[in-house]
Amino acid sequence: MTIGNVNYPHPVQVNGYQCRNCTDVDNAKKRIDPQHPQSGPNDINAATDPTRKDSDPVKIEAAKKAAEANGKQVTGYSPSGPNTAHADKGRVLSLSA
């Protein structure tokens, strides 16, 4: 006997996403929008997600750039603003000048 995907009596919030069942919660924990799982973590593939065809492509591209920016760390400052570098998981950055 298998138990299907049963919805909760009341939606719960996980990482800012409204989740109606365990699958939604699992996706939200991975930063995947439960309403648009094909968009990937942090909506990185939102521009090619067929479930988002009615969405504004400018907003989707802005969300994609914001997701990419989340992977950068400030490594220093200059008169023109902060200097950033892409930070891989487990990589240590030196913030000393």
PDB file of N, CA and C in Angstrom:
ATOM      1  N   MET A   1       0.845  -1.177   0.000  1.00  0.00           N
ATOM      2  CA  MET A   1       0.000   0.000   0.000  1.00  0.00           C
ATOM      3  C   MET A   1       0.891   1.241   0.000  1.00  0.00           C
ATOM      4  N   THR A   2       0.640   2.125  -0.912  1.00  0.00           N
ATOM      5  CA  THR A   2       1.399   3.367  -0.975  1.00  0.00           C
ATOM      6  C   THR A   2       0.513   4.532  -0.593  1.00  0.00           C
ATOM      7  N   ILE A   3       1.111   5.429   0.097  1.00  0.00           N
ATOM      8  CA  ILE A   3       0.402   6.642   0.469  1.00  0.00           C
ATOM      9  C   ILE A   3       0.784   7.710  -0.533  1.00  0.00           C
ATOM     10  N   GLY A   4      -0.216   8.323  -1.121  1.00  0.00           N
ATOM     11  CA  GLY A   4       0.031   9.351  -2.123  1.00  0.00           C
ATOM     12  C   GLY A   4       0.485  10.652  -1.493  1.00  0.00           C
ATOM     13  N   ASN A   5       0.614  11.642  -2.311  1.00  0.00           N
ATOM     14  CA  ASN A   5       1.036  12.968  -1.884  1.00  0.00           C
ATOM     15  C   ASN A   5      -0.150  13.661  -1.220  1.00  0.00           C
ATOM     16  N   VAL A   6      -0.211  13.629   0.095  1.00  0.00           N
ATOM     17  CA  VAL A   6      -1.347  14.159   0.842  1.00  0.00           C
ATOM     18  C   VAL A   6      -1.060  15.589   1.260  1.00  0.00           C
ATOM     19  N   ASN A   7      -2.006  16.466   0.996  1.00  0.00           N
ATOM     20  CA  ASN A   7      -1.833  17.877   1.355  1.00  0.00           C
ATOM     21  C   ASN A   7      -2.068  18.094   2.841  1.00  0.00           C
ATOM     22  N   TYR A   8      -1.336  19.065   3.399  1.00  0.00           N
ATOM     23  CA  TYR A   8      -1.520  19.456   4.797  1.00  0.00           C
ATOM     24  C   TYR A   8      -2.864  20.169   4.949  1.00  0.00           C
ATOM     25  N   PRO A   9      -3.443  20.154   6.164  1.00  0.00           N
ATOM     26  CA  PRO A   9      -4.693  20.884   6.364  1.00  0.00           C
ATOM     27  C   PRO A   9      -4.508  22.395   6.189  1.00  0.00           C
ATOM     28  N   HIS A  10      -3.312  22.890   6.535  1.00  0.00           N
ATOM     29  CA  HIS A  10      -2.999  24.312   6.368  1.00  0.00           C
ATOM     30  C   HIS A  10      -1.598  24.410   5.779  1.00  0.00           C
ATOM     31  N   PRO A  11      -1.397  25.286   4.788  1.00  0.00           N
ATOM     32  CA  PRO A  11      -0.050  25.435   4.214  1.00  0.00           C
ATOM     33  C   PRO A  11       0.946  25.914   5.267  1.00  0.00           C
ATOM     34  N   VAL A  12       2.201  25.503   5.109  1.00  0.00           N
ATOM     35  CA  VAL A  12       3.279  25.945   5.994  1.00  0.00           C
ATOM     36  C   VAL A  12       4.282  26.746   5.177  1.00  0.00           C
ATOM     37  N   GLN A  13       5.059  27.598   5.841  1.00  0.00           N
ATOM     38  CA  GLN A  13       6.085  28.408   5.182  1.00  0.00           C
ATOM     39  C   GLN A  13       7.451  27.783   5.423  1.00  0.00           C
ATOM     40  N   VAL A  14       8.201  27.576   4.345  1.00  0.00           N
ATOM     41  CA  VAL A  14       9.571  27.072   4.439  1.00  0.00           C
ATOM     42  C   VAL A  14      10.416  27.917   3.494  1.00  0.00           C
ATOM     43  N   ASN A  15      11.421  28.597   4.050  1.00  0.00           N
ATOM     44  CA  ASN A  15      12.306  29.472   3.266  1.00  0.00           C
ATOM     45  C   ASN A  15      11.532  30.486   2.431  1.00  0.00           C
ATOM     46  N   GLY A  16      10.407  30.942   2.937  1.00  0.00           N
ATOM     47  CA  GLY A  16       9.614  31.953   2.245  1.00  0.00           C
ATOM     48  C   GLY A  16       8.644  31.403   1.216  1.00  0.00           C
ATOM     49  N   TYR A  17       8.607  30.085   1.043  1.00  0.00           N
ATOM     50  CA  TYR A  17       7.694  29.466   0.093  1.00  0.00           C
ATOM     51  C   TYR A  17       6.513  28.845   0.831  1.00  0.00           C
ATOM     52  N   GLN A  18       5.329  28.942   0.228  1.00  0.00           N
ATOM     53  CA  GLN A  18       4.151  28.324   0.811  1.00  0.00           C
ATOM     54  C   GLN A  18       4.113  26.862   0.372  1.00  0.00           C
ATOM     55  N   CYS A  19       4.093  25.955   1.350  1.00  0.00           N
ATOM     56  CA  CYS A  19       4.159  24.523   1.067  1.00  0.00           C
ATOM     57  C   CYS A  19       2.878  23.843   1.508  1.00  0.00           C
ATOM     58  N   ARG A  20       2.360  22.986   0.632  1.00  0.00           N
ATOM     59  CA  ARG A  20       1.114  22.295   0.918  1.00  0.00           C
ATOM     60  C   ARG A  20       1.305  20.826   1.267  1.00  0.00           C
ATOM     61  N   ASN A  21       2.513  20.271   1.021  1.00  0.00           N
ATOM     62  CA  ASN A  21       2.751  18.852   1.314  1.00  0.00           C
ATOM     63  C   ASN A  21       4.247  18.617   1.494  1.00  0.00           C
ATOM     64  N   CYS A  22       4.610  17.368   1.764  1.00  0.00           N
ATOM     65  CA  CYS A  22       6.013  17.022   2.041  1.00  0.00           C
ATOM     66  C   CYS A  22       6.921  17.289   0.841  1.00  0.00           C
ATOM     67  N   THR A  23       6.422  17.055  -0.359  1.00  0.00           N
ATOM     68  CA  THR A  23       7.221  17.308  -1.559  1.00  0.00           C
ATOM     69  C   THR A  23       7.546  18.789  -1.674  1.00  0.00           C
ATOM     70  N   ASP A  24       6.554  19.651  -1.413  1.00  0.00           N
ATOM     71  CA  ASP A  24       6.788  21.095  -1.438  1.00  0.00           C
ATOM     72  C   ASP A  24       7.835  21.488  -0.402  1.00  0.00           C
ATOM     73  N   VAL A  25       7.753  20.908   0.788  1.00  0.00           N
ATOM     74  CA  VAL A  25       8.717  21.211   1.853  1.00  0.00           C
ATOM     75  C   VAL A  25      10.124  20.796   1.430  1.00  0.00           C
ATOM     76  N   ASP A  26      10.262  19.605   0.844  1.00  0.00           N
ATOM     77  CA  ASP A  26      11.576  19.143   0.378  1.00  0.00           C
ATOM     78  C   ASP A  26      12.151  20.091  -0.665  1.00  0.00           C
ATOM     79  N   ASN A  27      11.318  20.537  -1.607  1.00  0.00           N
ATOM     80  CA  ASN A  27      11.781  21.485  -2.625  1.00  0.00           C
ATOM     81  C   ASN A  27      12.173  22.814  -1.999  1.00  0.00           C
ATOM     82  N   ALA A  28      11.355  23.328  -1.093  1.00  0.00           N
ATOM     83  CA  ALA A  28      11.630  24.622  -0.464  1.00  0.00           C
ATOM     84  C   ALA A  28      12.933  24.587   0.332  1.00  0.00           C
ATOM     85  N   LYS A  29      13.234  23.455   0.954  1.00  0.00           N
ATOM     86  CA  LYS A  29      14.489  23.334   1.698  1.00  0.00           C
ATOM     87  C   LYS A  29      15.692  23.436   0.768  1.00  0.00           C
ATOM     88  N   LYS A  30      15.510  23.081  -0.503  1.00  0.00           N
ATOM     89  CA  LYS A  30      16.576  23.180  -1.504  1.00  0.00           C
ATOM     90  C   LYS A  30      16.532  24.519  -2.248  1.00  0.00           C
ATOM     91  N   ARG A  31      15.696  25.456  -1.759  1.00  0.00           N
ATOM     92  CA  ARG A  31      15.498  26.770  -2.380  1.00  0.00           C
ATOM     93  C   ARG A  31      14.874  26.653  -3.773  1.00  0.00           C
ATOM     94  N   ILE A  32      14.030  25.643  -3.958  1.00  0.00           N
ATOM     95  CA  ILE A  32      13.290  25.465  -5.203  1.00  0.00           C
ATOM     96  C   ILE A  32      11.843  25.860  -4.938  1.00  0.00           C
ATOM     97  N   ASP A  33      11.306  26.755  -5.765  1.00  0.00           N
ATOM     98  CA  ASP A  33       9.927  27.203  -5.608  1.00  0.00           C
ATOM     99  C   ASP A  33       8.993  26.020  -5.851  1.00  0.00           C
ATOM    100  N   PRO A  34       8.204  25.609  -4.853  1.00  0.00           N
ATOM    101  CA  PRO A  34       7.311  24.464  -5.036  1.00  0.00           C
ATOM    102  C   PRO A  34       6.278  24.675  -6.142  1.00  0.00           C
ATOM    103  N   GLN A  35       5.923  25.908  -6.419  1.00  0.00           N
ATOM    104  CA  GLN A  35       4.951  26.181  -7.474  1.00  0.00           C
ATOM    105  C   GLN A  35       5.577  26.093  -8.863  1.00  0.00           C
ATOM    106  N   HIS A  36       6.909  26.244  -8.939  1.00  0.00           N
ATOM    107  CA  HIS A  36       7.633  26.203 -10.212  1.00  0.00           C
ATOM    108  C   HIS A  36       8.933  25.414 -10.035  1.00  0.00           C
ATOM    109  N   PRO A  37       8.853  24.116  -9.779  1.00  0.00           N
ATOM    110  CA  PRO A  37      10.073  23.351  -9.498  1.00  0.00           C
ATOM    111  C   PRO A  37      11.050  23.278 -10.672  1.00  0.00           C
ATOM    112  N   GLN A  38      10.563  23.429 -11.904  1.00  0.00           N
ATOM    113  CA  GLN A  38      11.461  23.360 -13.058  1.00  0.00           C
ATOM    114  C   GLN A  38      12.363  24.583 -13.152  1.00  0.00           C
ATOM    115  N   SER A  39      12.078  25.619 -12.363  1.00  0.00           N
ATOM    116  CA  SER A  39      12.913  26.821 -12.364  1.00  0.00           C
ATOM    117  C   SER A  39      14.233  26.588 -11.648  1.00  0.00           C
ATOM    118  N   GLY A  40      14.326  25.523 -10.867  1.00  0.00           N
ATOM    119  CA  GLY A  40      15.569  25.183 -10.197  1.00  0.00           C
ATOM    120  C   GLY A  40      15.809  25.996  -8.945  1.00  0.00           C
ATOM    121  N   PRO A  41      16.930  25.730  -8.263  1.00  0.00           N
ATOM    122  CA  PRO A  41      17.250  26.458  -7.034  1.00  0.00           C
ATOM    123  C   PRO A  41      17.414  27.952  -7.316  1.00  0.00           C
ATOM    124  N   ASN A  42      16.826  28.771  -6.453  1.00  0.00           N
ATOM    125  CA  ASN A  42      16.886  30.234  -6.576  1.00  0.00           C
ATOM    126  C   ASN A  42      16.428  30.717  -7.946  1.00  0.00           C
ATOM    127  N   ASP A  43      15.527  29.990  -8.599  1.00  0.00           N
ATOM    128  CA  ASP A  43      14.966  30.350  -9.909  1.00  0.00           C
ATOM    129  C   ASP A  43      16.029  30.547 -10.981  1.00  0.00           C
ATOM    130  N   ILE A  44      17.114  29.802 -10.912  1.00  0.00           N
ATOM    131  CA  ILE A  44      18.223  29.955 -11.841  1.00  0.00           C
ATOM    132  C   ILE A  44      17.801  29.636 -13.281  1.00  0.00           C
ATOM    133  N   ASN A  45      16.850  28.724 -13.488  1.00  0.00           N
ATOM    134  CA  ASN A  45      16.386  28.354 -14.828  1.00  0.00           C
ATOM    135  C   ASN A  45      14.995  28.900 -15.130  1.00  0.00           C
ATOM    136  N   ALA A  46      14.594  29.969 -14.445  1.00  0.00           N
ATOM    137  CA  ALA A  46      13.237  30.493 -14.593  1.00  0.00           C
ATOM    138  C   ALA A  46      12.934  30.961 -16.015  1.00  0.00           C
ATOM    139  N   ALA A  47      13.925  31.476 -16.729  1.00  0.00           N
ATOM    140  CA  ALA A  47      13.690  31.986 -18.076  1.00  0.00           C
ATOM    141  C   ALA A  47      13.282  30.879 -19.041  1.00  0.00           C
ATOM    142  N   THR A  48      13.686  29.639 -18.771  1.00  0.00           N
ATOM    143  CA  THR A  48      13.346  28.529 -19.661  1.00  0.00           C
ATOM    144  C   THR A  48      12.273  27.614 -19.083  1.00  0.00           C
ATOM    145  N   ASP A  49      11.723  27.957 -17.929  1.00  0.00           N
ATOM    146  CA  ASP A  49      10.693  27.148 -17.287  1.00  0.00           C
ATOM    147  C   ASP A  49       9.361  27.341 -18.012  1.00  0.00           C
ATOM    148  N   PRO A  50       8.795  26.263 -18.599  1.00  0.00           N
ATOM    149  CA  PRO A  50       7.534  26.414 -19.331  1.00  0.00           C
ATOM    150  C   PRO A  50       6.348  26.789 -18.449  1.00  0.00           C
ATOM    151  N   THR A  51       6.438  26.560 -17.141  1.00  0.00           N
ATOM    152  CA  THR A  51       5.332  26.944 -16.256  1.00  0.00           C
ATOM    153  C   THR A  51       5.324  28.433 -15.971  1.00  0.00           C
ATOM    154  N   ARG A  52       6.330  29.163 -16.420  1.00  0.00           N
ATOM    155  CA  ARG A  52       6.428  30.605 -16.175  1.00  0.00           C
ATOM    156  C   ARG A  52       6.288  31.414 -17.460  1.00  0.00           C
ATOM    157  N   LYS A  53       5.635  30.893 -18.461  1.00  0.00           N
ATOM    158  CA  LYS A  53       5.522  31.597 -19.741  1.00  0.00           C
ATOM    159  C   LYS A  53       4.799  32.935 -19.601  1.00  0.00           C
ATOM    160  N   ASP A  54       3.904  33.071 -18.626  1.00  0.00           N
ATOM    161  CA  ASP A  54       3.173  34.318 -18.447  1.00  0.00           C
ATOM    162  C   ASP A  54       3.951  35.333 -17.616  1.00  0.00           C
ATOM    163  N   SER A  55       5.115  34.956 -17.144  1.00  0.00           N
ATOM    164  CA  SER A  55       5.906  35.838 -16.292  1.00  0.00           C
ATOM    165  C   SER A  55       6.664  36.864 -17.129  1.00  0.00           C
ATOM    166  N   ASP A  56       7.026  37.948 -16.493  1.00  0.00           N
ATOM    167  CA  ASP A  56       7.779  39.013 -17.132  1.00  0.00           C
ATOM    168  C   ASP A  56       9.233  38.576 -17.298  1.00  0.00           C
ATOM    169  N   PRO A  57       9.739  38.471 -18.532  1.00  0.00           N
ATOM    170  CA  PRO A  57      11.113  38.007 -18.732  1.00  0.00           C
ATOM    171  C   PRO A  57      12.156  38.920 -18.092  1.00  0.00           C
ATOM    172  N   VAL A  58      11.868  40.211 -17.971  1.00  0.00           N
ATOM    173  CA  VAL A  58      12.812  41.139 -17.340  1.00  0.00           C
ATOM    174  C   VAL A  58      12.948  40.803 -15.858  1.00  0.00           C
ATOM    175  N   LYS A  59      11.830  40.534 -15.197  1.00  0.00           N
ATOM    176  CA  LYS A  59      11.866  40.172 -13.777  1.00  0.00           C
ATOM    177  C   LYS A  59      12.572  38.835 -13.582  1.00  0.00           C
ATOM    178  N   ILE A  60      12.346  37.901 -14.494  1.00  0.00           N
ATOM    179  CA  ILE A  60      12.996  36.591 -14.383  1.00  0.00           C
ATOM    180  C   ILE A  60      14.504  36.744 -14.530  1.00  0.00           C
ATOM    181  N   GLU A  61      14.943  37.550 -15.491  1.00  0.00           N
ATOM    182  CA  GLU A  61      16.382  37.750 -15.691  1.00  0.00           C
ATOM    183  C   GLU A  61      16.996  38.434 -14.474  1.00  0.00           C
ATOM    184  N   ALA A  62      16.263  39.386 -13.869  1.00  0.00           N
ATOM    185  CA  ALA A  62      16.751  40.056 -12.663  1.00  0.00           C
ATOM    186  C   ALA A  62      16.874  39.057 -11.514  1.00  0.00           C
ATOM    187  N   ALA A  63      15.909  38.149 -11.394  1.00  0.00           N
ATOM    188  CA  ALA A  63      15.966  37.133 -10.347  1.00  0.00           C
ATOM    189  C   ALA A  63      17.145  36.196 -10.572  1.00  0.00           C
ATOM    190  N   LYS A  64      17.416  35.879 -11.833  1.00  0.00           N
ATOM    191  CA  LYS A  64      18.538  34.998 -12.159  1.00  0.00           C
ATOM    192  C   LYS A  64      19.863  35.668 -11.794  1.00  0.00           C
ATOM    193  N   LYS A  65      19.995  36.957 -12.108  1.00  0.00           N
ATOM    194  CA  LYS A  65      21.226  37.684 -11.769  1.00  0.00           C
ATOM    195  C   LYS A  65      21.391  37.786 -10.257  1.00  0.00           C
ATOM    196  N   ALA A  66      20.282  37.967  -9.546  1.00  0.00           N
ATOM    197  CA  ALA A  66      20.352  38.039  -8.082  1.00  0.00           C
ATOM    198  C   ALA A  66      20.802  36.695  -7.512  1.00  0.00           C
ATOM    199  N   ALA A  67      20.333  35.590  -8.104  1.00  0.00           N
ATOM    200  CA  ALA A  67      20.746  34.262  -7.641  1.00  0.00           C
ATOM    201  C   ALA A  67      22.232  34.049  -7.886  1.00  0.00           C
ATOM    202  N   GLU A  68      22.724  34.519  -9.024  1.00  0.00           N
ATOM    203  CA  GLU A  68      24.151  34.390  -9.316  1.00  0.00           C
ATOM    204  C   GLU A  68      24.971  35.255  -8.363  1.00  0.00           C
ATOM    205  N   ALA A  69      24.442  36.431  -8.012  1.00  0.00           N
ATOM    206  CA  ALA A  69      25.152  37.326  -7.100  1.00  0.00           C
ATOM    207  C   ALA A  69      25.254  36.730  -5.709  1.00  0.00           C
ATOM    208  N   ASN A  70      24.282  35.875  -5.342  1.00  0.00           N
ATOM    209  CA  ASN A  70      24.332  35.232  -4.028  1.00  0.00           C
ATOM    210  C   ASN A  70      25.543  34.329  -3.890  1.00  0.00           C
ATOM    211  N   GLY A  71      26.104  33.900  -4.999  1.00  0.00           N
ATOM    212  CA  GLY A  71      27.275  33.036  -4.964  1.00  0.00           C
ATOM    213  C   GLY A  71      28.575  33.811  -4.883  1.00  0.00           C
ATOM    214  N   LYS A  72      28.492  35.134  -4.739  1.00  0.00           N
ATOM    215  CA  LYS A  72      29.700  35.957  -4.673  1.00  0.00           C
ATOM    216  C   LYS A  72      29.897  36.488  -3.259  1.00  0.00           C
ATOM    217  N   GLN A  73      31.155  36.661  -2.897  1.00  0.00           N
ATOM    218  CA  GLN A  73      31.516  37.191  -1.590  1.00  0.00           C
ATOM    219  C   GLN A  73      32.264  38.503  -1.776  1.00  0.00           C
ATOM    220  N   VAL A  74      32.074  39.418  -0.861  1.00  0.00           N
ATOM    221  CA  VAL A  74      32.841  40.665  -0.882  1.00  0.00           C
ATOM    222  C   VAL A  74      34.254  40.339  -0.399  1.00  0.00           C
ATOM    223  N   THR A  75      35.245  40.664  -1.228  1.00  0.00           N
ATOM    224  CA  THR A  75      36.630  40.356  -0.881  1.00  0.00           C
ATOM    225  C   THR A  75      37.410  41.605  -0.507  1.00  0.00           C
ATOM    226  N   GLY A  76      36.842  42.764  -0.726  1.00  0.00           N
ATOM    227  CA  GLY A  76      37.517  44.006  -0.397  1.00  0.00           C
ATOM    228  C   GLY A  76      36.702  45.180  -0.892  1.00  0.00           C
ATOM    229  N   TYR A  77      37.194  46.364  -0.646  1.00  0.00           N
ATOM    230  CA  TYR A  77      36.494  47.569  -1.061  1.00  0.00           C
ATOM    231  C   TYR A  77      37.447  48.481  -1.799  1.00  0.00           C
ATOM    232  N   SER A  78      36.903  49.227  -2.756  1.00  0.00           N
ATOM    233  CA  SER A  78      37.676  50.206  -3.504  1.00  0.00           C
ATOM    234  C   SER A  78      36.825  51.464  -3.630  1.00  0.00           C
ATOM    235  N   PRO A  79      37.381  52.561  -4.125  1.00  0.00           N
ATOM    236  CA  PRO A  79      36.577  53.775  -4.278  1.00  0.00           C
ATOM    237  C   PRO A  79      35.362  53.575  -5.191  1.00  0.00           C
ATOM    238  N   SER A  80      35.442  52.614  -6.098  1.00  0.00           N
ATOM    239  CA  SER A  80      34.309  52.379  -7.001  1.00  0.00           C
ATOM    240  C   SER A  80      33.259  51.446  -6.401  1.00  0.00           C
ATOM    241  N   GLY A  81      33.531  50.887  -5.217  1.00  0.00           N
ATOM    242  CA  GLY A  81      32.560  50.012  -4.563  1.00  0.00           C
ATOM    243  C   GLY A  81      33.196  48.726  -4.086  1.00  0.00           C
ATOM    244  N   PRO A  82      32.361  47.781  -3.648  1.00  0.00           N
ATOM    245  CA  PRO A  82      32.919  46.525  -3.130  1.00  0.00           C
ATOM    246  C   PRO A  82      33.491  45.650  -4.244  1.00  0.00           C
ATOM    247  N   ASN A  83      34.581  44.950  -3.937  1.00  0.00           N
ATOM    248  CA  ASN A  83      35.149  43.967  -4.846  1.00  0.00           C
ATOM    249  C   ASN A  83      34.578  42.614  -4.456  1.00  0.00           C
ATOM    250  N   THR A  84      34.132  41.853  -5.443  1.00  0.00           N
ATOM    251  CA  THR A  84      33.550  40.550  -5.145  1.00  0.00           C
ATOM    252  C   THR A  84      34.278  39.457  -5.904  1.00  0.00           C
ATOM    253  N   ALA A  85      34.157  38.247  -5.402  1.00  0.00           N
ATOM    254  CA  ALA A  85      34.709  37.070  -6.060  1.00  0.00           C
ATOM    255  C   ALA A  85      33.730  35.940  -5.852  1.00  0.00           C
ATOM    256  N   HIS A  86      33.672  35.039  -6.809  1.00  0.00           N
ATOM    257  CA  HIS A  86      32.788  33.888  -6.680  1.00  0.00           C
ATOM    258  C   HIS A  86      33.342  32.964  -5.602  1.00  0.00           C
ATOM    259  N   ALA A  87      32.484  32.590  -4.673  1.00  0.00           N
ATOM    260  CA  ALA A  87      32.915  31.736  -3.563  1.00  0.00           C
ATOM    261  C   ALA A  87      32.332  30.349  -3.738  1.00  0.00           C
ATOM    262  N   ASP A  88      33.188  29.377  -3.947  1.00  0.00           N
ATOM    263  CA  ASP A  88      32.756  27.998  -4.021  1.00  0.00           C
ATOM    264  C   ASP A  88      32.567  27.469  -2.604  1.00  0.00           C
ATOM    265  N   LYS A  89      31.688  26.487  -2.456  1.00  0.00           N
ATOM    266  CA  LYS A  89      31.465  25.897  -1.136  1.00  0.00           C
ATOM    267  C   LYS A  89      32.767  25.324  -0.614  1.00  0.00           C
ATOM    268  N   GLY A  90      33.084  25.637   0.631  1.00  0.00           N
ATOM    269  CA  GLY A  90      34.283  25.125   1.259  1.00  0.00           C
ATOM    270  C   GLY A  90      35.518  25.964   1.008  1.00  0.00           C
ATOM    271  N   ARG A  91      35.424  26.958   0.146  1.00  0.00           N
ATOM    272  CA  ARG A  91      36.563  27.801  -0.154  1.00  0.00           C
ATOM    273  C   ARG A  91      36.689  28.896   0.908  1.00  0.00           C
ATOM    274  N   VAL A  92      37.893  29.165   1.338  1.00  0.00           N
ATOM    275  CA  VAL A  92      38.126  30.175   2.353  1.00  0.00           C
ATOM    276  C   VAL A  92      38.603  31.451   1.661  1.00  0.00           C
ATOM    277  N   LEU A  93      37.998  32.562   2.024  1.00  0.00           N
ATOM    278  CA  LEU A  93      38.389  33.856   1.463  1.00  0.00           C
ATOM    279  C   LEU A  93      39.133  34.657   2.513  1.00  0.00           C
ATOM    280  N   SER A  94      40.146  35.371   2.100  1.00  0.00           N
ATOM    281  CA  SER A  94      40.871  36.261   3.006  1.00  0.00           C
ATOM    282  C   SER A  94      40.317  37.660   2.817  1.00  0.00           C
ATOM    283  N   LEU A  95      39.879  38.270   3.895  1.00  0.00           N
ATOM    284  CA  LEU A  95      39.334  39.613   3.819  1.00  0.00           C
ATOM    285  C   LEU A  95      40.351  40.663   4.254  1.00  0.00           C
ATOM    286  N   SER A  96      41.570  40.280   4.527  1.00  0.00           N
ATOM    287  CA  SER A  96      42.582  41.249   4.922  1.00  0.00           C
ATOM    288  C   SER A  96      43.146  41.933   3.685  1.00  0.00           C
ATOM    289  N   ALA A  97      43.542  43.168   3.850  1.00  0.00           N
ATOM    290  CA  ALA A  97      44.056  43.934   2.704  1.00  0.00           C
ATOM    291  C   ALA A  97      45.560  43.946   2.677  1.00  0.00           C
TER     292      ALA A  97
END
